[in-house]
C-alpha atoms as a PDB file:
ATOM      1  CA  MET A   1      -0.259  -0.334  -0.118  1.00  0.00           C
ATOM      2  CA  ARG A   2       0.960   3.394  -0.213  1.00  0.00           C
ATOM      3  CA  VAL A   3      -0.130   7.188   0.258  1.00  0.00           C
ATOM      4  CA  GLU A   4      -1.814   8.834  -2.831  1.00  0.00           C
ATOM      5  CA  THR A   5      -2.515  11.860  -2.000  1.00  0.00           C
ATOM      6  CA  VAL A   6      -3.095  13.939   1.234  1.00  0.00           C
ATOM      7  CA  GLY A   7      -4.599  17.270   2.392  1.00  0.00           C
ATOM      8  CA  TYR A   8      -6.765  19.534   4.159  1.00  0.00           C
ATOM      9  CA  ALA A   9      -8.951  22.823   4.187  1.00  0.00           C
ATOM     10  CA  ALA A  10      -7.374  25.912   6.239  1.00  0.00           C
ATOM     11  CA  VAL A  11     -10.539  27.389   6.602  1.00  0.00           C
ATOM     12  CA  LYS A  12     -13.723  25.518   7.132  1.00  0.00           C
ATOM     13  CA  GLY A  13     -15.856  24.730   4.514  1.00  0.00           C
ATOM     14  CA  THR A  14     -13.511  25.862   1.774  1.00  0.00           C
ATOM     15  CA  ARG A  15     -12.068  24.404  -1.230  1.00  0.00           C
ATOM     16  CA  HIS A  16     -10.090  20.721   0.252  1.00  0.00           C
ATOM     17  CA  LEU A  17      -6.665  20.890  -1.061  1.00  0.00           C
ATOM     18  CA  THR A  18      -4.211  18.555  -2.163  1.00  0.00           C
ATOM     19  CA  ARG A  19      -0.938  19.073  -0.155  1.00  0.00           C
ATOM     20  CA  ASP A  20       2.915  18.015  -0.537  1.00  0.00           C
ATOM     21  CA  ARG A  21       2.853  16.938   2.896  1.00  0.00           C
ATOM     22  CA  VAL A  22       0.182  17.052   6.257  1.00  0.00           C
ATOM     23  CA  GLU A  23       1.579  16.549   9.731  1.00  0.00           C
ATOM     24  CA  LEU A  24      -0.178  14.362  12.153  1.00  0.00           C
ATOM     25  CA  THR A  25      -0.643  15.184  15.816  1.00  0.00           C
ATOM     26  CA  GLY A  26      -2.818  13.743  18.521  1.00  0.00           C
ATOM     27  CA  ALA A  27      -5.786  16.323  17.247  1.00  0.00           C
ATOM     28  CA  GLY A  28      -5.074  15.433  13.760  1.00  0.00           C
ATOM     29  CA  VAL A  29      -3.731  17.178  10.843  1.00  0.00           C
ATOM     30  CA  VAL A  30      -1.935  20.573  11.485  1.00  0.00           C
ATOM     31  CA  GLY A  31      -3.935  23.236  10.375  1.00  0.00           C
ATOM     32  CA  ASP A  32      -7.102  21.335   9.333  1.00  0.00           C
ATOM     33  CA  ARG A  33      -9.913  23.809   9.717  1.00  0.00           C
ATOM     34  CA  ARG A  34      -7.502  25.876  11.874  1.00  0.00           C
ATOM     35  CA  TRP A  35     -10.388  28.883  11.021  1.00  0.00           C
ATOM     36  CA  CYS A  36     -14.068  29.114  10.417  1.00  0.00           C
ATOM     37  CA  PHE A  37     -16.800  31.065   9.637  1.00  0.00           C
ATOM     38  CA  VAL A  38     -19.302  31.838  12.503  1.00  0.00           C
ATOM     39  CA  ASP A  39     -22.590  33.729  12.769  1.00  0.00           C
ATOM     40  CA  VAL A  40     -21.625  35.484  15.969  1.00  0.00           C
ATOM     41  CA  ALA A  41     -24.940  36.500  16.649  1.00  0.00           C
ATOM     42  CA  ALA A  42     -27.104  32.880  15.965  1.00  0.00           C
ATOM     43  CA  GLY A  43     -23.830  31.942  18.179  1.00  0.00           C
ATOM     44  CA  GLN A  44     -23.293  28.903  15.340  1.00  0.00           C
ATOM     45  CA  VAL A  45     -20.024  27.765  13.021  1.00  0.00           C
ATOM     46  CA  LEU A  46     -21.039  28.132   9.657  1.00  0.00           C
ATOM     47  CA  ARG A  47     -21.429  24.651   8.329  1.00  0.00           C
ATOM     48  CA  THR A  48     -21.043  23.640   4.000  1.00  0.00           C
ATOM     49  CA  VAL A  49     -24.137  21.684   4.438  1.00  0.00           C
ATOM     50  CA  GLN A  50     -26.116  24.564   4.439  1.00  0.00           C
ATOM     51  CA  ASN A  51     -23.734  27.442   2.822  1.00  0.00           C
ATOM     52  CA  PRO A  52     -22.555  25.362  -0.322  1.00  0.00           C
ATOM     53  CA  ALA A  53     -20.988  28.874  -1.853  1.00  0.00           C
ATOM     54  CA  LEU A  54     -18.036  28.171   0.760  1.00  0.00           C
ATOM     55  CA  VAL A  55     -16.496  25.742  -1.039  1.00  0.00           C
ATOM     56  CA  THR A  56     -15.558  27.832  -3.989  1.00  0.00           C
ATOM     57  CA  VAL A  57     -13.230  29.527  -1.400  1.00  0.00           C
ATOM     58  CA  GLU A  58      -9.605  29.010  -2.229  1.00  0.00           C
ATOM     59  CA  VAL A  59      -7.130  29.207   0.667  1.00  0.00           C
ATOM     60  CA  ARG A  60      -3.282  30.024   0.558  1.00  0.00           C
ATOM     61  CA  VAL A  61      -1.099  30.218   4.314  1.00  0.00           C
ATOM     62  CA  ASP A  62       2.339  32.162   4.091  1.00  0.00           C
ATOM     63  CA  GLY A  63       3.460  32.627   7.102  1.00  0.00           C
ATOM     64  CA  ASP A  64       1.235  34.483   9.037  1.00  0.00           C
ATOM     65  CA  VAL A  65      -0.706  35.843   6.040  1.00  0.00           C
ATOM     66  CA  LEU A  66      -3.975  34.394   5.103  1.00  0.00           C
ATOM     67  CA  THR A  67      -5.252  34.624   1.597  1.00  0.00           C
ATOM     68  CA  LEU A  68      -8.348  33.995   0.535  1.00  0.00           C
ATOM     69  CA  SER A  69      -9.924  33.684  -3.260  1.00  0.00           C
ATOM     70  CA  ALA A  70     -13.258  33.465  -4.149  1.00  0.00           C
ATOM     71  CA  PRO A  71     -15.075  33.951  -7.943  1.00  0.00           C
ATOM     72  CA  GLY A  72     -16.347  37.494  -8.517  1.00  0.00           C
ATOM     73  CA  LEU A  73     -14.855  38.787  -5.390  1.00  0.00           C
ATOM     74  CA  PRO A  74     -11.748  40.915  -4.531  1.00  0.00           C
ATOM     75  CA  THR A  75      -9.003  38.709  -3.070  1.00  0.00           C
ATOM     76  CA  ALA A  76      -8.820  38.951   1.055  1.00  0.00           C
ATOM     77  CA  SER A  77      -5.383  39.135   2.326  1.00  0.00           C
ATOM     78  CA  GLY A  78      -3.522  39.559   5.446  1.00  0.00           C
ATOM     79  CA  VAL A  79      -2.812  38.483   9.357  1.00  0.00           C
ATOM     80  CA  PRO A  80      -5.595  37.454  11.000  1.00  0.00           C
ATOM     81  CA  GLU A  81      -5.290  39.424  14.592  1.00  0.00           C
ATOM     82  CA  PRO A  82      -6.998  38.132  17.625  1.00  0.00           C
ATOM     83  CA  THR A  83      -9.339  40.786  18.906  1.00  0.00           C
ATOM     84  CA  GLY A  84      -9.396  39.176  22.218  1.00  0.00           C
ATOM     85  CA  GLU A  85     -12.926  38.066  22.304  1.00  0.00           C
ATOM     86  CA  THR A  86     -13.953  34.405  22.629  1.00  0.00           C
ATOM     87  CA  VAL A  87     -17.537  33.426  21.415  1.00  0.00           C
ATOM     88  CA  ALA A  88     -19.402  30.028  22.175  1.00  0.00           C
ATOM     89  CA  CYS A  89     -20.827  28.374  18.910  1.00  0.00           C
ATOM     90  CA  ASP A  90     -22.688  25.541  18.314  1.00  0.00           C
ATOM     91  CA  TYR A  91     -21.073  22.570  16.054  1.00  0.00           C
ATOM     92  CA  TRP A  92     -23.153  19.496  15.444  1.00  0.00           C
ATOM     93  CA  GLY A  93     -24.897  19.972  18.996  1.00  0.00           C
ATOM     94  CA  ARG A  94     -21.479  20.867  20.897  1.00  0.00           C
ATOM     95  CA  SER A  95     -20.362  23.930  22.096  1.00  0.00           C
ATOM     96  CA  VAL A  96     -16.794  25.114  20.564  1.00  0.00           C
ATOM     97  CA  PRO A  97     -15.240  28.302  21.704  1.00  0.00           C
ATOM     98  CA  VAL A  98     -13.724  29.968  18.530  1.00  0.00           C
ATOM     99  CA  ALA A  99     -11.588  33.270  18.816  1.00  0.00           C
ATOM    100  CA  LEU A 100     -12.966  35.936  16.739  1.00  0.00           C
ATOM    101  CA  LEU A 101     -10.250  37.791  14.282  1.00  0.00           C
ATOM    102  CA  ASP A 102      -9.932  40.972  12.501  1.00  0.00           C
ATOM    103  CA  GLY A 103      -8.786  41.475   9.161  1.00  0.00           C
ATOM    104  CA  PRO A 104     -10.375  41.713   5.433  1.00  0.00           C
ATOM    105  CA  HIS A 105     -11.493  37.883   5.164  1.00  0.00           C
ATOM    106  CA  SER A 106     -14.883  38.294   7.432  1.00  0.00           C
ATOM    107  CA  ASP A 107     -15.813  40.650   4.893  1.00  0.00           C
ATOM    108  CA  LEU A 108     -15.122  37.923   1.567  1.00  0.00           C
ATOM    109  CA  GLY A 109     -17.262  35.908   4.145  1.00  0.00           C
ATOM    110  CA  ALA A 110     -19.854  38.095   4.289  1.00  0.00           C
ATOM    111  CA  ARG A 111     -20.069  39.297   0.620  1.00  0.00           C
ATOM    112  CA  LEU A 112     -20.116  35.376  -0.417  1.00  0.00           C
ATOM    113  CA  LEU A 113     -22.862  34.270   2.140  1.00  0.00           C
ATOM    114  CA  ASP A 114     -24.935  37.146   2.075  1.00  0.00           C
ATOM    115  CA  ARG A 115     -24.992  37.508   5.753  1.00  0.00           C
ATOM    116  CA  PRO A 116     -22.701  38.716   8.626  1.00  0.00           C
ATOM    117  CA  VAL A 117     -20.260  36.768   9.292  1.00  0.00           C
ATOM    118  CA  ARG A 118     -16.868  36.750  11.396  1.00  0.00           C
ATOM    119  CA  LEU A 119     -13.812  34.797  10.500  1.00  0.00           C
ATOM    120  CA  ALA A 120     -12.520  33.087  14.029  1.00  0.00           C
ATOM    121  CA  GLU A 121     -10.009  30.913  14.987  1.00  0.00           C
ATOM    122  CA  ALA A 122     -10.975  27.330  16.737  1.00  0.00           C
ATOM    123  CA  PRO A 123      -9.367  24.840  18.688  1.00  0.00           C
ATOM    124  CA  PRO A 124      -7.547  22.258  16.607  1.00  0.00           C
ATOM    125  CA  GLY A 125      -9.729  19.413  15.512  1.00  0.00           C
ATOM    126  CA  GLU A 126     -12.922  21.258  16.947  1.00  0.00           C
ATOM    127  CA  VAL A 127     -14.773  21.727  14.269  1.00  0.00           C
ATOM    128  CA  VAL A 128     -13.944  18.702  11.930  1.00  0.00           C
ATOM    129  CA  TYR A 129     -16.554  16.665  11.317  1.00  0.00           C
ATOM    130  CA  ALA A 130     -14.952  13.358  11.042  1.00  0.00           C
ATOM    131  CA  GLY A 131     -12.336  11.908  13.110  1.00  0.00           C
ATOM    132  CA  ALA A 132      -8.744  13.427  13.745  1.00  0.00           C
ATOM    133  CA  VAL A 133      -7.895  11.568  10.411  1.00  0.00           C
ATOM    134  CA  SER A 134      -9.639  10.335   7.296  1.00  0.00           C
ATOM    135  CA  VAL A 135      -8.558   7.810   4.749  1.00  0.00           C
ATOM    136  CA  VAL A 136     -10.210   6.636   1.623  1.00  0.00           C
ATOM    137  CA  ALA A 137      -8.875   4.323  -0.887  1.00  0.00           C
ATOM    138  CA  VAL A 138      -8.655   4.905  -4.362  1.00  0.00           C
ATOM    139  CA  GLU A 139     -10.113   1.643  -5.380  1.00  0.00           C
ATOM    140  CA  SER A 140     -13.560   2.376  -3.651  1.00  0.00           C
ATOM    141  CA  LEU A 141     -13.581   5.646  -5.125  1.00  0.00           C
ATOM    142  CA  THR A 142     -12.888   4.119  -8.627  1.00  0.00           C
ATOM    143  CA  ALA A 143     -15.765   1.587  -7.678  1.00  0.00           C
ATOM    144  CA  LEU A 144     -18.189   4.270  -6.600  1.00  0.00           C
ATOM    145  CA  GLY A 145     -17.437   6.267  -9.851  1.00  0.00           C
ATOM    146  CA  ASP A 146     -18.577   3.183 -11.758  1.00  0.00           C
ATOM    147  CA  ARG A 147     -21.647   3.248 -10.096  1.00  0.00           C
ATOM    148  CA  LEU A 148     -22.500   6.517 -10.767  1.00  0.00           C
ATOM    149  CA  GLY A 149     -21.165   6.378 -14.213  1.00  0.00           C
ATOM    150  CA  VAL A 150     -19.056   9.220 -13.461  1.00  0.00           C
ATOM    151  CA  ALA A 151     -15.226   9.672 -12.006  1.00  0.00           C
ATOM    152  CA  VAL A 152     -15.686  10.325  -8.263  1.00  0.00           C
ATOM    153  CA  ASP A 153     -13.161  13.095  -7.008  1.00  0.00           C
ATOM    154  CA  GLY A 154     -11.754  11.895  -3.799  1.00  0.00           C
ATOM    155  CA  GLN A 155     -11.619  15.835  -2.589  1.00  0.00           C
ATOM    156  CA  ARG A 156     -15.551  15.348  -2.205  1.00  0.00           C
ATOM    157  CA  PHE A 157     -15.037  13.383   1.297  1.00  0.00           C
ATOM    158  CA  ARG A 158     -12.662  15.808   2.423  1.00  0.00           C
ATOM    159  CA  PRO A 159      -9.727  13.069   2.775  1.00  0.00           C
ATOM    160  CA  SER A 160      -6.570  13.569   5.345  1.00  0.00           C
ATOM    161  CA  LEU A 161      -5.095  10.319   3.451  1.00  0.00           C
ATOM    162  CA  VAL A 162      -5.803   8.888   0.076  1.00  0.00           C
ATOM    163  CA  LEU A 163      -4.358   5.462  -0.336  1.00  0.00           C
ATOM    164  CA  ARG A 164      -3.858   3.237  -3.259  1.00  0.00           C
ATOM    165  CA  THR A 165      -3.960  -0.330  -1.009  1.00  0.00           C
ATOM    166  CA  GLY A 166      -3.586  -2.833  -4.055  1.00  0.00           C
ATOM    167  CA  GLU A 167      -7.039  -4.350  -2.987  1.00  0.00           C
ATOM    168  CA  ALA A 168     -10.737  -5.221  -3.627  1.00  0.00           C
ATOM    169  CA  ALA A 169     -12.683  -1.898  -3.309  1.00  0.00           C
ATOM    170  CA  PHE A 170     -13.971  -1.315   0.109  1.00  0.00           C
ATOM    171  CA  ALA A 171     -11.980  -3.623   1.328  1.00  0.00           C
ATOM    172  CA  GLU A 172     -10.802  -0.940   4.011  1.00  0.00           C
ATOM    173  CA  GLU A 173     -14.231  -1.388   5.608  1.00  0.00           C
ATOM    174  CA  GLU A 174     -12.674  -4.604   7.483  1.00  0.00           C
ATOM    175  CA  TRP A 175      -9.796  -2.673   8.498  1.00  0.00           C
ATOM    176  CA  VAL A 176     -11.795  -0.998  11.814  1.00  0.00           C
ATOM    177  CA  GLY A 177      -9.481  -1.620  15.298  1.00  0.00           C
ATOM    178  CA  ARG A 178      -6.203  -2.009  12.976  1.00  0.00           C
ATOM    179  CA  ASP A 179      -3.046   0.241  13.494  1.00  0.00           C
ATOM    180  CA  LEU A 180      -1.801   1.838   9.914  1.00  0.00           C
ATOM    181  CA  ALA A 181       1.786   2.978   9.896  1.00  0.00           C
ATOM    182  CA  VAL A 182       1.994   5.116   7.062  1.00  0.00           C
ATOM    183  CA  GLY A 183       4.871   7.843   6.282  1.00  0.00           C
ATOM    184  CA  ASP A 184       6.248   8.579   9.976  1.00  0.00           C
ATOM    185  CA  ALA A 185       3.081   8.019  12.030  1.00  0.00           C
ATOM    186  CA  VAL A 186       0.258   6.007  13.177  1.00  0.00           C
ATOM    187  CA  VAL A 187      -3.087   6.100  13.068  1.00  0.00           C
ATOM    188  CA  ARG A 188      -5.724   3.744  14.617  1.00  0.00           C
ATOM    189  CA  LEU A 189      -8.718   2.889  12.474  1.00  0.00           C
ATOM    190  CA  ARG A 190     -11.765   3.725  14.982  1.00  0.00           C
ATOM    191  CA  ARG A 191     -14.822   3.447  12.717  1.00  0.00           C
ATOM    192  CA  ARG A 192     -16.384   3.846   9.188  1.00  0.00           C
ATOM    193  CA  THR A 193     -16.916   7.554   8.379  1.00  0.00           C
ATOM    194  CA  PRO A 194     -20.841   8.586   8.093  1.00  0.00           C
ATOM    195  CA  ARG A 195     -21.753  10.917   5.594  1.00  0.00           C
ATOM    196  CA  CYS A 196     -23.418  13.827   4.890  1.00  0.00           C
ATOM    197  CA  ALA A 197     -24.913  15.882   1.619  1.00  0.00           C
ATOM    198  CA  VAL A 198     -21.806  17.767   1.171  1.00  0.00           C
ATOM    199  CA  THR A 199     -20.862  14.780  -0.090  1.00  0.00           C
ATOM    200  CA  ALA A 200     -23.093  15.445  -3.297  1.00  0.00           C
ATOM    201  CA  LEU A 201     -21.646  18.647  -3.934  1.00  0.00           C
ATOM    202  CA  ASP A 202     -18.787  19.156  -6.757  1.00  0.00           C
ATOM    203  CA  PRO A 203     -16.014  20.200  -4.691  1.00  0.00           C
ATOM    204  CA  ALA A 204     -14.564  22.975  -6.441  1.00  0.00           C
ATOM    205  CA  THR A 205     -17.969  24.518  -7.156  1.00  0.00           C
ATOM    206  CA  GLY A 206     -20.355  23.867  -4.654  1.00  0.00           C
ATOM    207  CA  GLU A 207     -23.180  23.070  -6.834  1.00  0.00           C
ATOM    208  CA  ARG A 208     -24.834  19.845  -6.168  1.00  0.00           C
ATOM    209  CA  ASP A 209     -24.499  17.491  -8.902  1.00  0.00           C
ATOM    210  CA  LEU A 210     -23.808  13.612  -7.895  1.00  0.00           C
ATOM    211  CA  PRO A 211     -26.855  11.770  -5.985  1.00  0.00           C
ATOM    212  CA  MET A 212     -24.031  10.400  -3.710  1.00  0.00           C
ATOM    213  CA  LEU A 213     -26.144   9.303  -0.540  1.00  0.00           C
ATOM    214  CA  THR A 214     -28.484   7.581  -2.608  1.00  0.00           C
ATOM    215  CA  ALA A 215     -25.548   5.449  -4.196  1.00  0.00           C
ATOM    216  CA  LEU A 216     -23.826   5.198  -0.574  1.00  0.00           C
ATOM    217  CA  ALA A 217     -26.816   4.039   0.729  1.00  0.00           C
ATOM    218  CA  GLU A 218     -26.759   0.692  -1.353  1.00  0.00           C
ATOM    219  CA  ARG A 219     -23.730  -0.557   0.475  1.00  0.00           C
ATOM    220  CA  PRO A 220     -24.271  -1.432   4.356  1.00  0.00           C
ATOM    221  CA  LEU A 221     -24.800   1.588   6.270  1.00  0.00           C
ATOM    222  CA  THR A 222     -22.353   2.585   9.356  1.00  0.00           C
ATOM    223  CA  GLU A 223     -23.020   1.252  13.077  1.00  0.00           C
ATOM    224  CA  SER A 224     -24.756   4.678  13.123  1.00  0.00           C
ATOM    225  CA  ARG A 225     -27.099   3.847  10.549  1.00  0.00           C
ATOM    226  CA  GLU A 226     -26.145   5.915   8.326  1.00  0.00           C
ATOM    227  CA  PRO A 227     -24.505   6.076   4.439  1.00  0.00           C
ATOM    228  CA  GLY A 228     -20.838   5.711   5.083  1.00  0.00           C
ATOM    229  CA  PHE A 229     -17.536   5.584   2.688  1.00  0.00           C
ATOM    230  CA  GLY A 230     -13.599   5.754   4.355  1.00  0.00           C
ATOM    231  CA  LEU A 231     -12.765   5.344   7.877  1.00  0.00           C
ATOM    232  CA  ASP A 232     -11.831   7.553  10.734  1.00  0.00           C
ATOM    233  CA  GLY A 233      -8.766   7.383  12.591  1.00  0.00           C
ATOM    234  CA  ASP A 234      -6.719   8.625  15.852  1.00  0.00           C
ATOM    235  CA  VAL A 235      -3.374   9.474  15.769  1.00  0.00           C
ATOM    236  CA  LEU A 236      -1.066   7.038  17.824  1.00  0.00           C
ATOM    237  CA  ARG A 237       2.037   8.223  17.267  1.00  0.00           C
ATOM    238  CA  PRO A 238       2.544  11.698  15.391  1.00  0.00           C
ATOM    239  CA  GLY A 239       4.883  12.024  12.201  1.00  0.00           C
ATOM    240  CA  VAL A 240       4.680  13.602   9.043  1.00  0.00           C
ATOM    241  CA  VAL A 241       3.366  12.011   5.576  1.00  0.00           C
ATOM    242  CA  ARG A 242       3.615  12.821   2.352  1.00  0.00           C
ATOM    243  CA  PRO A 243       2.371  11.108  -1.174  1.00  0.00           C
ATOM    244  CA  GLY A 244       4.030   8.152  -1.973  1.00  0.00           C
ATOM    245  CA  ASP A 245       4.861   6.796   1.792  1.00  0.00           C
ATOM    246  CA  GLY A 246       4.367   3.470   2.008  1.00  0.00           C
ATOM    247  CA  VAL A 247       2.096   2.048   4.203  1.00  0.00           C
ATOM    248  CA  THR A 248       2.138  -0.780   6.371  1.00  0.00           C
ATOM    249  CA  TRP A 249       0.299  -2.741   9.506  1.00  0.00           C
ATOM    250  CA  GLY A 250       1.434  -0.983  12.737  1.00  0.00           C
END
């Protein structure tokens, strides 16, 4: 087995981007959904499923400078400055303390979504829907595409790691409870990943284009009785993972 791609989205809900490396820690992928947009008045972390336009935002981080680009809007670039104010916002029924930030990024988010929003910094891993690490397999993506009649981009599932397993499609569903040594890290695979309606969105445009949940529901459901794809994992040993790294059983 080997690593095909690695990736994350630095701002929650924005375009998931492949990277040349990721660093795994106990909290997950360093930098993954470090920032998020929030509706302060409603006390809500904004989620992609209700705000699919977020997917059109491309994020670049250069040192301390955060740059957001979205079609038809001026680029927002600058160092997000803490205001000193922390607010509690709901994320899937959990209260998450987020630190509000000043800078041009909130204005881009507000114009994109046509509502008042603020950029905030979240504690590591606190606004990630799945586990600390998300794993999908190339072979299963191919089989899913065959079922739908169109190639399926793995970024639709926002995976930390895409693996080429050399095994049959969906073989990874039997790996729950096992440990993977991947790059310098070791990850324990703890459950199949329940999936939501975001997987039906084109990962670049945010347009709903595939009946993804219907296709996933044709396979066995997760323990929570939801459509599933891929695996959630916890990091047992921190380390760096790069495309091309070998993968063995830990």
